[in-house]
Amino acid sequence: MTDSPNTQPPPPSDRIPVIDVQTLLGPEGRAFLLHDETVYTLRLTRNDKLILTK
C-alpha cells in the first residue's frame, strides 16, 4: 500500500490505539474480530479497500 504525499497517520494517543492494517490482517489479508459474542470478518480487497462483514 502506498501513502499519498498528504496522508499522515493520526497523532499518537493514550486513548485511541493506532494499528497498522498489514499487522492486523497478516499475510492472509483477513482478521476475525469478536464483538459482543458476534464474529466479524475484516478483509482487504484486491482494490486495497477494507471490508467488514458479519
N, C-alpha and C. Protein backbone atom coordinates (compact mmCIF):
# COMPACT_ATOMS: atom_id res chain seq x y z
N MET A 1 0.84 -1.16 0.00
CA MET A 1 0.00 0.00 0.00
C MET A 1 0.89 1.22 0.00
N THR A 2 0.56 2.22 -0.80
CA THR A 2 1.37 3.43 -0.83
C THR A 2 0.59 4.58 -0.24
N ASP A 3 1.32 5.47 0.41
CA ASP A 3 0.70 6.64 1.00
C ASP A 3 0.78 7.79 0.02
N SER A 4 -0.29 8.58 -0.06
CA SER A 4 -0.22 9.79 -0.86
C SER A 4 0.59 10.81 -0.08
N PRO A 5 1.15 11.81 -0.75
CA PRO A 5 2.02 12.77 -0.05
C PRO A 5 1.36 13.49 1.11
N ASN A 6 0.04 13.67 1.06
CA ASN A 6 -0.65 14.41 2.11
C ASN A 6 -1.23 13.52 3.20
N THR A 7 -1.01 12.23 3.11
CA THR A 7 -1.57 11.30 4.09
C THR A 7 -0.60 11.14 5.24
N GLN A 8 -1.08 11.48 6.42
CA GLN A 8 -0.28 11.34 7.63
C GLN A 8 -1.06 10.49 8.61
N PRO A 9 -0.37 9.62 9.36
CA PRO A 9 -1.08 8.87 10.39
C PRO A 9 -1.55 9.82 11.48
N PRO A 10 -2.60 9.45 12.20
CA PRO A 10 -3.06 10.31 13.29
C PRO A 10 -1.98 10.40 14.36
N PRO A 11 -2.00 11.48 15.13
CA PRO A 11 -1.00 11.60 16.19
C PRO A 11 -1.21 10.51 17.24
N PRO A 12 -0.13 10.09 17.90
CA PRO A 12 -0.27 9.07 18.95
C PRO A 12 -1.23 9.54 20.03
N SER A 13 -1.94 8.61 20.61
CA SER A 13 -2.90 8.94 21.65
C SER A 13 -2.86 7.86 22.71
N ASP A 14 -3.03 8.26 23.95
CA ASP A 14 -3.08 7.29 25.04
C ASP A 14 -4.43 6.57 25.06
N ARG A 15 -5.41 7.12 24.38
CA ARG A 15 -6.76 6.57 24.45
C ARG A 15 -7.17 5.80 23.20
N ILE A 16 -6.63 6.15 22.05
CA ILE A 16 -7.04 5.51 20.80
C ILE A 16 -5.83 4.80 20.19
N PRO A 17 -5.88 3.47 20.11
CA PRO A 17 -4.74 2.75 19.52
C PRO A 17 -4.66 2.97 18.01
N VAL A 18 -3.46 3.02 17.50
CA VAL A 18 -3.21 3.07 16.06
C VAL A 18 -2.58 1.74 15.69
N ILE A 19 -3.27 0.98 14.83
CA ILE A 19 -2.82 -0.37 14.46
C ILE A 19 -2.61 -0.42 12.96
N ASP A 20 -1.44 -0.82 12.53
CA ASP A 20 -1.16 -0.97 11.12
C ASP A 20 -2.02 -2.09 10.55
N VAL A 21 -2.70 -1.83 9.46
CA VAL A 21 -3.62 -2.80 8.88
C VAL A 21 -2.90 -4.08 8.46
N GLN A 22 -1.71 -3.95 7.90
CA GLN A 22 -0.96 -5.14 7.49
C GLN A 22 -0.65 -6.02 8.69
N THR A 23 -0.35 -5.42 9.82
CA THR A 23 -0.09 -6.17 11.04
C THR A 23 -1.36 -6.86 11.53
N LEU A 24 -2.47 -6.15 11.47
CA LEU A 24 -3.74 -6.69 11.94
C LEU A 24 -4.21 -7.85 11.05
N LEU A 25 -4.12 -7.69 9.74
CA LEU A 25 -4.66 -8.67 8.81
C LEU A 25 -3.72 -9.82 8.51
N GLY A 26 -2.44 -9.62 8.70
CA GLY A 26 -1.47 -10.68 8.45
C GLY A 26 -1.35 -11.04 6.98
N PRO A 27 -0.61 -12.11 6.68
CA PRO A 27 -0.34 -12.47 5.28
C PRO A 27 -1.59 -12.91 4.51
N GLU A 28 -2.62 -13.35 5.20
CA GLU A 28 -3.86 -13.77 4.52
C GLU A 28 -4.74 -12.59 4.14
N GLY A 29 -4.45 -11.40 4.69
CA GLY A 29 -5.28 -10.23 4.38
C GLY A 29 -6.66 -10.30 5.01
N ARG A 30 -6.74 -11.01 6.16
CA ARG A 30 -8.05 -11.20 6.79
C ARG A 30 -7.86 -11.35 8.30
N ALA A 31 -8.82 -10.82 9.06
CA ALA A 31 -8.81 -10.98 10.51
C ALA A 31 -10.25 -11.17 10.98
N PHE A 32 -10.39 -11.92 12.06
CA PHE A 32 -11.70 -12.10 12.69
C PHE A 32 -11.73 -11.24 13.94
N LEU A 33 -12.80 -10.48 14.08
CA LEU A 33 -12.98 -9.59 15.23
C LEU A 33 -14.19 -10.06 16.03
N LEU A 34 -14.05 -10.14 17.33
CA LEU A 34 -15.14 -10.56 18.19
C LEU A 34 -15.69 -9.36 18.94
N HIS A 35 -17.00 -9.13 18.80
CA HIS A 35 -17.68 -8.02 19.47
C HIS A 35 -19.02 -8.50 19.99
N ASP A 36 -19.20 -8.46 21.30
CA ASP A 36 -20.46 -8.91 21.92
C ASP A 36 -20.88 -10.29 21.44
N GLU A 37 -19.93 -11.21 21.44
CA GLU A 37 -20.16 -12.61 21.05
C GLU A 37 -20.51 -12.79 19.58
N THR A 38 -20.31 -11.76 18.77
CA THR A 38 -20.52 -11.86 17.33
C THR A 38 -19.16 -11.75 16.65
N VAL A 39 -18.93 -12.64 15.68
CA VAL A 39 -17.66 -12.63 14.95
C VAL A 39 -17.84 -11.87 13.65
N TYR A 40 -16.95 -10.91 13.41
CA TYR A 40 -16.92 -10.14 12.18
C TYR A 40 -15.65 -10.48 11.43
N THR A 41 -15.69 -10.37 10.11
CA THR A 41 -14.51 -10.57 9.29
C THR A 41 -14.08 -9.24 8.69
N LEU A 42 -12.83 -8.89 8.89
CA LEU A 42 -12.25 -7.71 8.27
C LEU A 42 -11.28 -8.21 7.23
N ARG A 43 -11.46 -7.78 5.98
CA ARG A 43 -10.57 -8.25 4.92
C ARG A 43 -10.18 -7.11 4.00
N LEU A 44 -9.06 -7.32 3.33
CA LEU A 44 -8.54 -6.37 2.36
C LEU A 44 -8.88 -6.87 0.97
N THR A 45 -9.49 -6.04 0.14
CA THR A 45 -9.87 -6.44 -1.21
C THR A 45 -8.70 -6.28 -2.17
N ARG A 46 -8.88 -6.80 -3.37
CA ARG A 46 -7.85 -6.64 -4.41
C ARG A 46 -7.64 -5.16 -4.76
N ASN A 47 -8.66 -4.34 -4.52
CA ASN A 47 -8.56 -2.90 -4.81
C ASN A 47 -8.05 -2.11 -3.61
N ASP A 48 -7.49 -2.81 -2.61
CA ASP A 48 -6.88 -2.19 -1.44
C ASP A 48 -7.91 -1.45 -0.58
N LYS A 49 -9.13 -2.00 -0.51
CA LYS A 49 -10.19 -1.45 0.34
C LYS A 49 -10.45 -2.41 1.48
N LEU A 50 -10.87 -1.87 2.62
CA LEU A 50 -11.22 -2.70 3.77
C LEU A 50 -12.72 -2.98 3.77
N ILE A 51 -13.07 -4.24 4.00
CA ILE A 51 -14.47 -4.66 4.07
C ILE A 51 -14.68 -5.34 5.42
N LEU A 52 -15.69 -4.91 6.16
CA LEU A 52 -16.07 -5.53 7.43
C LEU A 52 -17.43 -6.17 7.25
N THR A 53 -17.50 -7.49 7.48
CA THR A 53 -18.77 -8.21 7.33
C THR A 53 -19.06 -9.02 8.58
N LYS A 54 -20.35 -9.29 8.77
CA LYS A 54 -20.81 -10.07 9.91
C LYS A 54 -20.75 -11.54 9.59
